Amino acid sequence: MNIWYGIIWGLFELFPGTLLHIIKDSIAGAVLFPVGILCMWGAYKKSGVWWHIPATALIAAVIKIPSFALSSRIDFTQTLYPFTAIIIEGLISILPIIYLTNEQNKKHKGSIVKPIIGFFAAISLYKIIFYLFKSTIRWGGLKPLVTDVDIPKELIILFTDSMISSAIIGIVLTSSEIWKLLSKER
């Protein structure tokens, strides 16, 4: 297994990621999710082994643990939330990465639509699962989430962040495929 993808992602989460979270969590998520996806994608494409996707996430999550020391809000949840978020991202991303890698291997390459739709669905599912996890840890259940949170506002944020992340992923993946095609023609 090539652990470098997990190390790269983890270091990105640890340093620029921590700074992005300090600036604004939604910006951090919109940028960090594509970094994670691309690292897991690279690990899978290099090995062809599905479990390298969540293993890459586990490596990144372990590297991210010290980030609580960089925060002024040191508590257990400041370590638990990022660690769990990265693990959930790794598990949620298995099917889209495998499916889209298989699609890229077919003759019709270069479609930006499939990665955007595939990862939009995966990112949205990830965000919902993470909200449920976070509310259970923070409040001990889902009732405060339903009563105390502005659901329409959170849905708009979820949609916007998911669309930004999936667009970044789609553009990078499509650009890399186009670059490969152009490089072969020379």
Protein backbone atom coordinates (compact mmCIF):
# COMPACT_ATOMS: atom_id res chain seq x y z
CA MET A 1 0.00 0.00 0.00
CA ASN A 2 1.24 3.46 -0.84
CA ILE A 3 0.89 5.37 2.44
CA TRP A 4 2.08 8.64 0.90
CA TYR A 5 -1.44 9.58 -0.18
CA GLY A 6 -2.64 9.32 3.41
CA ILE A 7 0.37 11.26 4.67
CA ILE A 8 -0.15 14.05 2.11
CA TRP A 9 -3.84 14.31 2.99
CA GLY A 10 -3.13 14.20 6.72
CA LEU A 11 -0.51 16.94 6.52
CA PHE A 12 -2.88 19.06 4.43
CA GLU A 13 -5.59 18.52 7.05
CA LEU A 14 -3.18 19.28 9.88
CA PHE A 15 -1.72 22.57 8.67
CA PRO A 16 -3.73 24.40 5.98
CA GLY A 17 -6.88 22.54 7.10
CA THR A 18 -6.63 23.75 10.67
CA LEU A 19 -6.18 27.32 9.44
CA LEU A 20 -9.17 26.98 7.12
CA HIS A 21 -11.31 25.72 10.01
CA ILE A 22 -10.29 28.74 12.06
CA ILE A 23 -11.36 31.03 9.20
CA LYS A 24 -14.67 29.28 8.43
CA ASP A 25 -15.75 25.65 8.73
CA SER A 26 -17.79 25.59 5.52
CA ILE A 27 -14.85 26.90 3.48
CA ALA A 28 -12.62 24.29 5.08
CA GLY A 29 -15.02 21.50 4.20
CA ALA A 30 -15.45 22.67 0.62
CA VAL A 31 -11.67 22.62 0.11
CA LEU A 32 -10.58 19.71 2.31
CA PHE A 33 -13.11 17.18 1.03
CA PRO A 34 -11.73 17.32 -2.54
CA VAL A 35 -8.18 16.97 -1.23
CA GLY A 36 -9.22 13.81 0.61
CA ILE A 37 -11.10 12.41 -2.37
CA LEU A 38 -8.17 13.01 -4.69
CA CYS A 39 -5.73 11.37 -2.27
CA MET A 40 -8.00 8.33 -1.84
CA TRP A 41 -8.53 8.24 -5.62
CA GLY A 42 -4.76 8.25 -6.17
CA ALA A 43 -4.24 5.44 -3.67
CA TYR A 44 -6.95 3.35 -5.31
CA LYS A 45 -5.78 3.99 -8.88
CA LYS A 46 -2.21 3.10 -7.95
CA SER A 47 -3.15 -0.15 -6.19
CA GLY A 48 -6.56 -1.20 -7.50
CA VAL A 49 -7.35 -2.41 -3.97
CA TRP A 50 -10.63 -1.06 -2.52
CA TRP A 51 -9.55 -1.08 1.13
CA HIS A 52 -6.74 1.36 0.33
CA ILE A 53 -9.46 4.03 0.12
CA PRO A 54 -10.48 3.86 3.83
CA ALA A 55 -6.88 3.02 4.83
CA THR A 56 -5.75 6.31 3.26
CA ALA A 57 -8.44 8.08 5.30
CA LEU A 58 -7.30 6.32 8.50
CA ILE A 59 -3.71 7.48 7.96
CA ALA A 60 -4.90 11.06 7.36
CA ALA A 61 -7.16 10.92 10.43
CA VAL A 62 -4.33 9.77 12.70
CA ILE A 63 -2.08 12.55 11.39
CA LYS A 64 -4.90 15.08 12.00
CA ILE A 65 -5.18 14.19 15.72
CA PRO A 66 -2.55 16.75 16.91
CA SER A 67 -4.56 19.59 15.34
CA PHE A 68 -6.37 20.10 18.66
CA ALA A 69 -3.08 21.42 20.05
CA LEU A 70 -3.20 24.21 17.47
CA SER A 71 -6.67 25.22 18.63
CA SER A 72 -7.55 27.44 21.56
CA ARG A 73 -10.60 25.21 22.18
CA ILE A 74 -8.86 22.09 23.45
CA ASP A 75 -11.33 19.36 24.34
CA PHE A 76 -12.12 15.79 23.39
CA THR A 77 -14.60 16.72 20.66
CA GLN A 78 -12.04 18.90 18.89
CA THR A 79 -10.08 15.68 18.28
CA LEU A 80 -13.05 13.35 17.87
CA TYR A 81 -14.92 15.39 15.23
CA PRO A 82 -12.11 15.78 12.67
CA PHE A 83 -10.94 12.18 13.17
CA THR A 84 -14.46 10.83 12.72
CA ALA A 85 -15.19 13.14 9.78
CA ILE A 86 -12.17 11.83 7.88
CA ILE A 87 -13.07 8.20 8.64
CA ILE A 88 -16.66 8.73 7.47
CA GLU A 89 -15.37 10.43 4.32
CA GLY A 90 -13.18 7.41 3.61
CA LEU A 91 -16.06 4.96 4.02
CA ILE A 92 -18.55 7.05 2.03
CA SER A 93 -16.08 7.46 -0.84
CA ILE A 94 -15.40 3.79 -1.55
CA LEU A 95 -18.24 3.21 -4.04
CA PRO A 96 -18.00 6.51 -5.96
CA ILE A 97 -14.23 6.15 -6.38
CA ILE A 98 -14.46 2.55 -7.59
CA TYR A 99 -17.39 3.32 -9.92
CA LEU A 100 -15.84 6.45 -11.41
CA THR A 101 -12.45 4.78 -11.83
CA ASN A 102 -14.18 2.03 -13.81
CA GLU A 103 -15.98 4.69 -15.86
CA GLN A 104 -12.67 6.43 -16.60
CA ASN A 105 -11.25 3.15 -17.87
CA LYS A 106 -13.99 2.93 -20.52
CA LYS A 107 -13.58 4.47 -23.96
CA HIS A 108 -15.77 7.53 -23.34
CA LYS A 109 -13.53 9.65 -21.12
CA GLY A 110 -13.65 13.28 -20.13
CA SER A 111 -17.22 13.63 -18.84
CA ILE A 112 -17.33 16.09 -15.98
CA VAL A 113 -20.97 15.31 -15.14
CA LYS A 114 -20.53 11.83 -13.61
CA PRO A 115 -17.86 12.84 -11.05
CA ILE A 116 -19.87 15.90 -10.04
CA ILE A 117 -23.11 13.96 -9.58
CA GLY A 118 -21.40 10.96 -7.95
CA PHE A 119 -19.45 13.00 -5.47
CA PHE A 120 -22.30 15.43 -4.85
CA ALA A 121 -24.37 12.47 -3.64
CA ALA A 122 -21.47 11.05 -1.59
CA ILE A 123 -20.61 14.41 -0.02
CA SER A 124 -24.24 15.13 0.82
CA LEU A 125 -24.60 11.70 2.43
CA TYR A 126 -21.35 12.28 4.35
CA LYS A 127 -22.56 15.64 5.65
CA ILE A 128 -25.89 14.19 6.80
CA ILE A 129 -24.20 11.28 8.59
CA PHE A 130 -21.68 13.64 10.19
CA TYR A 131 -24.45 16.06 11.36
CA LEU A 132 -26.26 13.11 12.96
CA PHE A 133 -23.06 11.90 14.63
CA LYS A 134 -22.16 15.38 15.85
CA SER A 135 -25.61 16.07 17.28
CA THR A 136 -25.66 12.73 19.06
CA ILE A 137 -22.28 13.45 20.68
CA ARG A 138 -23.04 17.10 21.45
CA TRP A 139 -26.65 16.82 22.66
CA GLY A 140 -27.13 13.12 23.30
CA GLY A 141 -29.72 12.73 20.56
CA LEU A 142 -31.37 14.21 17.50
CA LYS A 143 -34.17 16.21 19.13
CA PRO A 144 -32.07 19.38 19.74
CA LEU A 145 -30.84 19.16 16.16
CA VAL A 146 -34.40 19.30 14.88
CA THR A 147 -35.60 21.99 17.30
CA ASP A 148 -32.58 24.27 17.75
CA VAL A 149 -31.00 24.33 14.30
CA ASP A 150 -32.15 26.42 11.34
CA ILE A 151 -32.78 23.44 9.03
CA PRO A 152 -33.39 25.46 5.79
CA LYS A 153 -30.16 27.40 6.34
CA GLU A 154 -28.22 24.20 7.04
CA LEU A 155 -29.67 22.57 3.90
CA ILE A 156 -28.52 25.53 1.80
CA ILE A 157 -25.04 25.27 3.30
CA LEU A 158 -25.04 21.51 2.73
CA PHE A 159 -26.08 21.95 -0.91
CA THR A 160 -23.60 24.76 -1.58
CA ASP A 161 -20.63 23.07 0.08
CA SER A 162 -21.42 19.75 -1.59
CA MET A 163 -21.70 21.41 -5.00
CA ILE A 164 -18.43 23.34 -4.59
CA SER A 165 -16.55 20.22 -3.45
CA SER A 166 -17.96 17.99 -6.17
CA ALA A 167 -17.29 20.64 -8.85
CA ILE A 168 -13.64 20.91 -7.72
CA ILE A 169 -13.30 17.11 -7.84
CA GLY A 170 -14.99 16.89 -11.25
CA ILE A 171 -12.83 19.63 -12.72
CA VAL A 172 -9.58 18.15 -11.39
CA LEU A 173 -10.41 14.61 -12.53
CA THR A 174 -11.60 15.73 -15.96
CA SER A 175 -8.60 18.04 -16.40
CA SER A 176 -6.21 15.21 -15.54
CA GLU A 177 -7.87 12.95 -18.12
CA ILE A 178 -7.73 15.67 -20.77
CA TRP A 179 -4.07 16.31 -19.92
CA LYS A 180 -3.29 12.59 -20.37
CA LEU A 181 -5.01 12.59 -23.76
CA LEU A 182 -3.13 15.70 -24.89
CA SER A 183 0.16 14.27 -23.66
CA LYS A 184 -0.36 11.06 -25.68
CA GLU A 185 -1.02 13.03 -28.89
CA ARG A 186 2.37 14.79 -28.78
